[in-house]
C-alpha atoms as a PDB file:
ATOM      1  CA  MET A   1      16.240  -4.350   7.690  1.00  0.00           C
ATOM      2  CA  GLU A   2      14.096  -4.433   4.739  1.00  0.00           C
ATOM      3  CA  GLN A   3      16.965  -7.067   3.090  1.00  0.00           C
ATOM      4  CA  GLU A   4      16.626  -9.866   6.422  1.00  0.00           C
ATOM      5  CA  ARG A   5      12.820  -9.529   5.312  1.00  0.00           C
ATOM      6  CA  LYS A   6      12.093 -13.101   3.561  1.00  0.00           C
ATOM      7  CA  ILE A   7       9.903 -12.236   1.093  1.00  0.00           C
ATOM      8  CA  PRO A   8       6.948 -14.157   0.140  1.00  0.00           C
ATOM      9  CA  ALA A   9       6.905 -15.051  -3.933  1.00  0.00           C
ATOM     10  CA  HIS A  10       2.997 -14.628  -4.075  1.00  0.00           C
ATOM     11  CA  VAL A  11       1.063 -12.557  -2.320  1.00  0.00           C
ATOM     12  CA  ALA A  12      -2.958 -12.574  -2.435  1.00  0.00           C
ATOM     13  CA  ILE A  13      -5.174  -9.817  -0.651  1.00  0.00           C
ATOM     14  CA  ILE A  14      -9.462  -9.998  -0.031  1.00  0.00           C
ATOM     15  CA  MET A  15     -10.072  -6.546  -0.288  1.00  0.00           C
ATOM     16  CA  ASP A  16     -12.821  -5.493   2.009  1.00  0.00           C
ATOM     17  CA  GLY A  17     -13.827  -2.210   3.508  1.00  0.00           C
ATOM     18  CA  ASN A  18     -14.288   0.484   0.680  1.00  0.00           C
ATOM     19  CA  GLY A  19     -17.818   1.017   1.259  1.00  0.00           C
ATOM     20  CA  ARG A  20     -17.301   0.803   5.214  1.00  0.00           C
ATOM     21  CA  TRP A  21     -14.498   3.589   4.630  1.00  0.00           C
ATOM     22  CA  ALA A  22     -16.910   6.053   2.584  1.00  0.00           C
ATOM     23  CA  ARG A  23     -19.850   6.146   4.885  1.00  0.00           C
ATOM     24  CA  LYS A  24     -17.235   6.913   7.554  1.00  0.00           C
ATOM     25  CA  ARG A  25     -16.235   9.718   5.677  1.00  0.00           C
ATOM     26  CA  GLY A  26     -20.324  10.750   4.575  1.00  0.00           C
ATOM     27  CA  LEU A  27     -19.288   9.884   0.986  1.00  0.00           C
ATOM     28  CA  PRO A  28     -21.268   7.603  -1.312  1.00  0.00           C
ATOM     29  CA  ARG A  29     -19.719   3.388  -1.357  1.00  0.00           C
ATOM     30  CA  THR A  30     -18.621   4.274  -4.691  1.00  0.00           C
ATOM     31  CA  MET A  31     -16.020   7.076  -3.397  1.00  0.00           C
ATOM     32  CA  GLY A  32     -15.045   4.221  -1.255  1.00  0.00           C
ATOM     33  CA  HIS A  33     -14.290   1.676  -4.413  1.00  0.00           C
ATOM     34  CA  ALA A  34     -12.770   4.551  -6.447  1.00  0.00           C
ATOM     35  CA  GLN A  35     -10.270   5.525  -3.616  1.00  0.00           C
ATOM     36  CA  GLY A  36      -9.646   1.442  -2.940  1.00  0.00           C
ATOM     37  CA  ALA A  37      -8.394   1.330  -7.192  1.00  0.00           C
ATOM     38  CA  ARG A  38      -6.124   3.856  -5.936  1.00  0.00           C
ATOM     39  CA  VAL A  39      -4.547   1.736  -3.489  1.00  0.00           C
ATOM     40  CA  VAL A  40      -4.617  -1.243  -5.393  1.00  0.00           C
ATOM     41  CA  GLU A  41      -2.290   0.555  -8.139  1.00  0.00           C
ATOM     42  CA  GLN A  42      -0.265   1.849  -5.243  1.00  0.00           C
ATOM     43  CA  ILE A  43       0.075  -2.024  -3.684  1.00  0.00           C
ATOM     44  CA  LEU A  44       0.881  -3.279  -6.898  1.00  0.00           C
ATOM     45  CA  GLU A  45       3.700  -1.089  -7.416  1.00  0.00           C
ATOM     46  CA  ASP A  46       5.352  -1.433  -3.566  1.00  0.00           C
ATOM     47  CA  ALA A  47       5.164  -5.096  -4.553  1.00  0.00           C
ATOM     48  CA  ASP A  48       7.102  -4.967  -7.310  1.00  0.00           C
ATOM     49  CA  HIS A  49       9.880  -2.859  -5.673  1.00  0.00           C
ATOM     50  CA  MET A  50       9.938  -5.495  -2.836  1.00  0.00           C
ATOM     51  CA  GLY A  51      10.462  -7.881  -4.672  1.00  0.00           C
ATOM     52  CA  ILE A  52       6.858 -10.079  -4.341  1.00  0.00           C
ATOM     53  CA  ARG A  53       7.034 -12.077  -7.671  1.00  0.00           C
ATOM     54  CA  TYR A  54       3.123 -12.323  -8.140  1.00  0.00           C
ATOM     55  CA  LEU A  55       0.282 -10.350  -6.847  1.00  0.00           C
ATOM     56  CA  THR A  56      -3.505 -11.776  -6.546  1.00  0.00           C
ATOM     57  CA  VAL A  57      -6.474  -9.402  -6.019  1.00  0.00           C
ATOM     58  CA  TYR A  58     -10.194  -9.862  -5.179  1.00  0.00           C
ATOM     59  CA  ALA A  59     -12.262  -7.187  -7.006  1.00  0.00           C
ATOM     60  CA  PHE A  60     -15.547  -8.364  -7.849  1.00  0.00           C
ATOM     61  CA  SER A  61     -16.889 -12.257  -6.538  1.00  0.00           C
ATOM     62  CA  THR A  62     -19.410 -14.067  -7.691  1.00  0.00           C
ATOM     63  CA  GLU A  63     -21.483 -13.311  -5.054  1.00  0.00           C
ATOM     64  CA  ASN A  64     -21.399  -8.621  -5.797  1.00  0.00           C
ATOM     65  CA  TRP A  65     -23.969  -9.006  -8.445  1.00  0.00           C
ATOM     66  CA  THR A  66     -26.266  -9.082  -5.666  1.00  0.00           C
ATOM     67  CA  ARG A  67     -24.914  -5.988  -5.170  1.00  0.00           C
ATOM     68  CA  PRO A  68     -27.626  -2.876  -5.586  1.00  0.00           C
ATOM     69  CA  ASP A  69     -27.444  -1.945  -9.521  1.00  0.00           C
ATOM     70  CA  ALA A  70     -25.495   1.335  -9.641  1.00  0.00           C
ATOM     71  CA  GLU A  71     -22.362  -0.361  -7.074  1.00  0.00           C
ATOM     72  CA  VAL A  72     -22.364  -2.602  -9.475  1.00  0.00           C
ATOM     73  CA  LYS A  73     -22.677  -0.688 -12.689  1.00  0.00           C
ATOM     74  CA  ALA A  74     -19.416   1.330 -10.766  1.00  0.00           C
ATOM     75  CA  LEU A  75     -17.470  -1.667 -10.161  1.00  0.00           C
ATOM     76  CA  MET A  76     -17.922  -2.447 -13.665  1.00  0.00           C
ATOM     77  CA  ASN A  77     -17.111   1.038 -15.147  1.00  0.00           C
ATOM     78  CA  LEU A  78     -14.164   1.363 -13.089  1.00  0.00           C
ATOM     79  CA  LEU A  79     -13.061  -1.934 -13.992  1.00  0.00           C
ATOM     80  CA  ARG A  80     -13.577  -0.778 -17.531  1.00  0.00           C
ATOM     81  CA  THR A  81     -11.021   2.368 -16.981  1.00  0.00           C
ATOM     82  CA  TYR A  82      -8.454   0.302 -15.370  1.00  0.00           C
ATOM     83  CA  MET A  83      -8.549  -1.813 -18.746  1.00  0.00           C
ATOM     84  CA  LYS A  84      -8.065   0.814 -21.409  1.00  0.00           C
ATOM     85  CA  THR A  85      -5.808   3.063 -19.059  1.00  0.00           C
ATOM     86  CA  SER A  86      -3.231   0.724 -17.386  1.00  0.00           C
ATOM     87  CA  LEU A  87      -1.429  -0.109 -20.465  1.00  0.00           C
ATOM     88  CA  ALA A  88       1.167   2.208 -20.722  1.00  0.00           C
ATOM     89  CA  LYS A  89       1.809   1.815 -17.109  1.00  0.00           C
ATOM     90  CA  CYS A  90       1.685  -1.718 -17.577  1.00  0.00           C
ATOM     91  CA  ALA A  91       4.628  -1.789 -20.237  1.00  0.00           C
ATOM     92  CA  LYS A  92       6.420   0.476 -18.899  1.00  0.00           C
ATOM     93  CA  ASN A  93       6.761  -1.197 -15.226  1.00  0.00           C
ATOM     94  CA  ASN A  94       7.127  -4.512 -16.856  1.00  0.00           C
ATOM     95  CA  VAL A  95       4.091  -5.928 -15.382  1.00  0.00           C
ATOM     96  CA  ARG A  96       2.087  -9.074 -16.462  1.00  0.00           C
ATOM     97  CA  ILE A  97      -2.029  -9.116 -16.049  1.00  0.00           C
ATOM     98  CA  ARG A  98      -4.295 -12.045 -15.524  1.00  0.00           C
ATOM     99  CA  VAL A  99      -7.656 -11.687 -15.148  1.00  0.00           C
ATOM    100  CA  ILE A 100      -9.039 -14.915 -13.175  1.00  0.00           C
ATOM    101  CA  GLY A 101     -12.688 -15.587 -12.675  1.00  0.00           C
ATOM    102  CA  ASP A 102     -15.764 -16.493 -14.929  1.00  0.00           C
ATOM    103  CA  LYS A 103     -15.423 -13.759 -17.897  1.00  0.00           C
ATOM    104  CA  THR A 104     -18.415 -15.032 -19.712  1.00  0.00           C
ATOM    105  CA  ARG A 105     -21.133 -13.070 -17.708  1.00  0.00           C
ATOM    106  CA  LEU A 106     -18.732  -9.859 -18.808  1.00  0.00           C
ATOM    107  CA  ASP A 107     -20.246  -6.916 -21.121  1.00  0.00           C
ATOM    108  CA  PRO A 108     -18.254  -7.931 -24.428  1.00  0.00           C
ATOM    109  CA  ASP A 109     -16.282  -4.470 -24.096  1.00  0.00           C
ATOM    110  CA  LEU A 110     -15.105  -5.922 -21.165  1.00  0.00           C
ATOM    111  CA  GLN A 111     -14.204  -8.809 -21.978  1.00  0.00           C
ATOM    112  CA  ALA A 112     -12.190  -7.681 -24.978  1.00  0.00           C
ATOM    113  CA  SER A 113     -10.595  -4.810 -23.067  1.00  0.00           C
ATOM    114  CA  ILE A 114      -9.350  -8.001 -20.548  1.00  0.00           C
ATOM    115  CA  ALA A 115      -8.215  -9.836 -23.108  1.00  0.00           C
ATOM    116  CA  HIS A 116      -6.514  -6.846 -25.202  1.00  0.00           C
ATOM    117  CA  LEU A 117      -4.305  -5.913 -21.978  1.00  0.00           C
ATOM    118  CA  GLU A 118      -3.626  -9.853 -21.369  1.00  0.00           C
ATOM    119  CA  GLN A 119      -2.441 -10.046 -24.767  1.00  0.00           C
ATOM    120  CA  GLU A 120      -0.103  -7.067 -24.868  1.00  0.00           C
ATOM    121  CA  THR A 121       1.134  -7.832 -21.374  1.00  0.00           C
ATOM    122  CA  ALA A 122       1.887 -11.538 -21.446  1.00  0.00           C
ATOM    123  CA  GLY A 123       5.520 -11.198 -22.809  1.00  0.00           C
ATOM    124  CA  ASN A 124       6.254  -8.873 -19.583  1.00  0.00           C
ATOM    125  CA  THR A 125       8.691 -10.360 -16.968  1.00  0.00           C
ATOM    126  CA  GLY A 126       8.203  -8.309 -14.277  1.00  0.00           C
ATOM    127  CA  ILE A 127       5.545  -8.521 -11.600  1.00  0.00           C
ATOM    128  CA  SER A 128       2.557 -10.555 -12.139  1.00  0.00           C
ATOM    129  CA  PHE A 129      -0.372  -9.237 -11.422  1.00  0.00           C
ATOM    130  CA  GLN A 130      -3.959 -10.879 -11.258  1.00  0.00           C
ATOM    131  CA  ILE A 131      -6.963  -9.068 -10.746  1.00  0.00           C
ATOM    132  CA  ALA A 132     -10.075 -11.925  -9.565  1.00  0.00           C
ATOM    133  CA  ILE A 133     -13.475 -10.472 -11.558  1.00  0.00           C
ATOM    134  CA  ASN A 134     -16.467 -12.654 -11.318  1.00  0.00           C
ATOM    135  CA  TYR A 135     -14.685 -14.941  -9.321  1.00  0.00           C
ATOM    136  CA  GLY A 136     -15.716 -17.735  -6.583  1.00  0.00           C
ATOM    137  CA  GLY A 137     -13.429 -20.596  -5.550  1.00  0.00           C
ATOM    138  CA  ARG A 138     -16.465 -22.890  -5.584  1.00  0.00           C
ATOM    139  CA  ASP A 139     -17.207 -21.558  -9.145  1.00  0.00           C
ATOM    140  CA  GLU A 140     -14.033 -21.900 -10.046  1.00  0.00           C
ATOM    141  CA  LEU A 141     -13.795 -25.916  -8.610  1.00  0.00           C
ATOM    142  CA  VAL A 142     -16.911 -26.873 -11.109  1.00  0.00           C
ATOM    143  CA  ARG A 143     -15.456 -25.030 -14.087  1.00  0.00           C
ATOM    144  CA  ALA A 144     -12.402 -27.429 -13.310  1.00  0.00           C
ATOM    145  CA  CYS A 145     -14.172 -30.449 -12.856  1.00  0.00           C
ATOM    146  CA  ARG A 146     -16.762 -30.076 -15.821  1.00  0.00           C
ATOM    147  CA  LYS A 147     -13.698 -29.314 -17.792  1.00  0.00           C
ATOM    148  CA  ILE A 148     -11.639 -32.829 -16.662  1.00  0.00           C
ATOM    149  CA  ALA A 149     -15.192 -34.485 -16.920  1.00  0.00           C
ATOM    150  CA  GLY A 150     -15.357 -33.442 -20.855  1.00  0.00           C
ATOM    151  CA  GLU A 151     -12.035 -34.994 -21.484  1.00  0.00           C
ATOM    152  CA  ILE A 152     -13.283 -37.790 -19.466  1.00  0.00           C
ATOM    153  CA  ALA A 153     -16.213 -38.640 -21.919  1.00  0.00           C
ATOM    154  CA  ASP A 154     -13.805 -38.014 -25.068  1.00  0.00           C
ATOM    155  CA  GLY A 155     -11.529 -40.297 -24.061  1.00  0.00           C
ATOM    156  CA  SER A 156      -8.240 -37.774 -23.412  1.00  0.00           C
ATOM    157  CA  VAL A 157      -7.949 -38.095 -19.919  1.00  0.00           C
ATOM    158  CA  SER A 158      -8.381 -41.404 -18.031  1.00  0.00           C
ATOM    159  CA  PRO A 159     -10.537 -41.280 -14.633  1.00  0.00           C
ATOM    160  CA  GLU A 160      -7.331 -42.753 -12.951  1.00  0.00           C
ATOM    161  CA  ALA A 161      -4.846 -40.130 -14.036  1.00  0.00           C
ATOM    162  CA  VAL A 162      -7.386 -37.443 -12.344  1.00  0.00           C
ATOM    163  CA  ASP A 163      -5.016 -36.140  -9.470  1.00  0.00           C
ATOM    164  CA  ALA A 164      -4.237 -32.625  -7.595  1.00  0.00           C
ATOM    165  CA  ASP A 165      -1.641 -31.661 -10.333  1.00  0.00           C
ATOM    166  CA  LEU A 166      -4.166 -32.205 -12.923  1.00  0.00           C
ATOM    167  CA  ILE A 167      -7.259 -30.484 -11.296  1.00  0.00           C
ATOM    168  CA  ASP A 168      -4.529 -27.502 -10.397  1.00  0.00           C
ATOM    169  CA  ALA A 169      -4.053 -26.993 -13.953  1.00  0.00           C
ATOM    170  CA  HIS A 170      -8.219 -26.978 -15.045  1.00  0.00           C
ATOM    171  CA  LEU A 171      -7.834 -23.827 -12.666  1.00  0.00           C
ATOM    172  CA  ASP A 172      -8.105 -20.260 -13.251  1.00  0.00           C
ATOM    173  CA  THR A 173      -4.575 -20.022 -11.850  1.00  0.00           C
ATOM    174  CA  ALA A 174      -3.067 -22.596 -13.640  1.00  0.00           C
ATOM    175  CA  GLY A 175       0.548 -22.415 -13.778  1.00  0.00           C
ATOM    176  CA  LEU A 176       1.084 -19.830 -11.163  1.00  0.00           C
ATOM    177  CA  PRO A 177       2.285 -20.793  -7.542  1.00  0.00           C
ATOM    178  CA  ASP A 178       0.051 -21.233  -4.800  1.00  0.00           C
ATOM    179  CA  PRO A 179      -0.258 -17.868  -2.838  1.00  0.00           C
ATOM    180  CA  ASP A 180       2.509 -17.875   0.278  1.00  0.00           C
ATOM    181  CA  LEU A 181       0.399 -14.809   1.717  1.00  0.00           C
ATOM    182  CA  LEU A 182      -2.818 -14.067   2.096  1.00  0.00           C
ATOM    183  CA  ILE A 183      -4.039 -10.922   3.630  1.00  0.00           C
ATOM    184  CA  ARG A 184      -7.849  -9.570   4.562  1.00  0.00           C
ATOM    185  CA  THR A 185      -8.382  -5.711   5.208  1.00  0.00           C
ATOM    186  CA  CYS A 186     -10.916  -4.458   7.041  1.00  0.00           C
ATOM    187  CA  GLY A 187     -10.602  -6.938  10.556  1.00  0.00           C
ATOM    188  CA  GLU A 188     -13.059  -9.590   8.389  1.00  0.00           C
ATOM    189  CA  GLU A 189     -11.716 -13.040   9.414  1.00  0.00           C
ATOM    190  CA  ARG A 190     -12.893 -15.343   7.071  1.00  0.00           C
ATOM    191  CA  ILE A 191     -11.811 -16.303   3.378  1.00  0.00           C
ATOM    192  CA  SER A 192     -15.254 -15.522   1.481  1.00  0.00           C
ATOM    193  CA  ASN A 193     -14.795 -18.043  -0.960  1.00  0.00           C
ATOM    194  CA  PHE A 194     -11.376 -16.485  -2.192  1.00  0.00           C
ATOM    195  CA  LEU A 195      -8.250 -19.512  -4.285  1.00  0.00           C
ATOM    196  CA  LEU A 196      -9.728 -22.098  -1.846  1.00  0.00           C
ATOM    197  CA  TRP A 197      -7.900 -24.525  -3.324  1.00  0.00           C
ATOM    198  CA  GLN A 198      -4.618 -22.517  -3.491  1.00  0.00           C
ATOM    199  CA  ILE A 199      -4.334 -21.410   0.198  1.00  0.00           C
ATOM    200  CA  ALA A 200      -4.292 -24.834   1.515  1.00  0.00           C
ATOM    201  CA  TYR A 201      -1.655 -23.886   2.604  1.00  0.00           C
ATOM    202  CA  SER A 202      -0.942 -20.383   2.956  1.00  0.00           C
ATOM    203  CA  GLU A 203      -0.302 -18.069   5.771  1.00  0.00           C
ATOM    204  CA  LEU A 204      -3.125 -15.521   6.684  1.00  0.00           C
ATOM    205  CA  TYR A 205      -2.955 -12.054   7.914  1.00  0.00           C
ATOM    206  CA  PHE A 206      -5.885  -9.767   8.662  1.00  0.00           C
ATOM    207  CA  SER A 207      -5.321  -6.623   8.716  1.00  0.00           C
ATOM    208  CA  PRO A 208      -7.305  -3.738  10.872  1.00  0.00           C
ATOM    209  CA  LEU A 209      -7.276  -1.051   7.966  1.00  0.00           C
ATOM    210  CA  ALA A 210      -9.886  -0.697   5.464  1.00  0.00           C
ATOM    211  CA  TRP A 211      -8.662  -1.166   2.049  1.00  0.00           C
ATOM    212  CA  PRO A 212      -8.466   2.469   1.141  1.00  0.00           C
ATOM    213  CA  ASP A 213      -6.089   2.862   4.097  1.00  0.00           C
ATOM    214  CA  PHE A 214      -3.826   0.516   3.420  1.00  0.00           C
ATOM    215  CA  SER A 215      -0.644   1.256   2.689  1.00  0.00           C
ATOM    216  CA  LYS A 216       2.997   0.243   1.909  1.00  0.00           C
ATOM    217  CA  GLU A 217       3.445  -0.531   6.180  1.00  0.00           C
ATOM    218  CA  GLU A 218       0.804  -2.120   6.375  1.00  0.00           C
ATOM    219  CA  LEU A 219       2.215  -4.691   3.333  1.00  0.00           C
ATOM    220  CA  GLU A 220       5.093  -4.618   5.253  1.00  0.00           C
ATOM    221  CA  ARG A 221       3.744  -5.638   9.307  1.00  0.00           C
ATOM    222  CA  ALA A 222       2.015  -8.398   6.815  1.00  0.00           C
ATOM    223  CA  ILE A 223       5.495  -9.948   6.105  1.00  0.00           C
ATOM    224  CA  ASP A 224       6.884  -9.474   9.382  1.00  0.00           C
ATOM    225  CA  ALA A 225       3.898 -11.345  10.764  1.00  0.00           C
ATOM    226  CA  TYR A 226       4.735 -13.976   7.167  1.00  0.00           C
ATOM    227  CA  ASN A 227       8.212 -14.337   8.633  1.00  0.00           C
ATOM    228  CA  HIS A 228       7.526 -15.468  12.489  1.00  0.00           C
ATOM    229  CA  ARG A 229       5.290 -18.593  11.096  1.00  0.00           C
ATOM    230  CA  GLU A 230       6.806 -22.125  10.342  1.00  0.00           C
ATOM    231  CA  ARG A 231       5.689 -23.258   6.954  1.00  0.00           C
ATOM    232  CA  ARG A 232       5.070 -26.983   7.773  1.00  0.00           C
ATOM    233  CA  TYR A 233       2.756 -27.649   5.263  1.00  0.00           C
ATOM    234  CA  GLY A 234       1.494 -30.751   7.258  1.00  0.00           C
ATOM    235  CA  GLY A 235       4.631 -31.828   8.667  1.00  0.00           C
ATOM    236  CA  LEU A 236       6.596 -32.143  12.186  1.00  0.00           C
ATOM    237  CA  VAL A 237       8.885 -28.933  13.184  1.00  0.00           C
ATOM    238  CA  GLY A 238      12.802 -30.020  11.362  1.00  0.00           C
END
């Protein structure tokens, strides 16, 4: 049955529900984030085995800075740990890692760890894993527009040359295919400022499970739902 599935090349995930998962169990929110991080590693492995070529996850948004300082610190420490410990696993599994978002607000040591991990995995040819950190879709578009405006100002780009392809080339995801499937967990049905440009024609799947409960089986259910969609990209049924 699995061989008959059409596997989406690029899956993006809004990982929601870590805090609610922890609260339901009488645990601190940080424990939910820790469990969620473990699920990320497992789902990356599952996605690779299923033939997904690109996986993009929403780890920390531009709006998440408004959360309590202790929670933000815990999230950043989880990211630090991942950046420092994942290199061996990425080498073993041939994973390429790329961090999208405005990295300039991150602490210098985290920026350095990100740069090192990206550089060391750049030649890997397996699944491409994008982690969105300090990312917001509107912020990404603003930064892209500023880059293009600078190029117009210095004469390297003419205003007439600005088109969808040029904008796409200035986004954090430049060079990546758009997501075929966007998954959001924990029963929420909104986009929350994630990949606003890139998901113009993505199929959406809303899972009732909190992210720490997400599994290979639920990923398969999302892909099964994707297989029952007819993607027309604004055209008519054939």
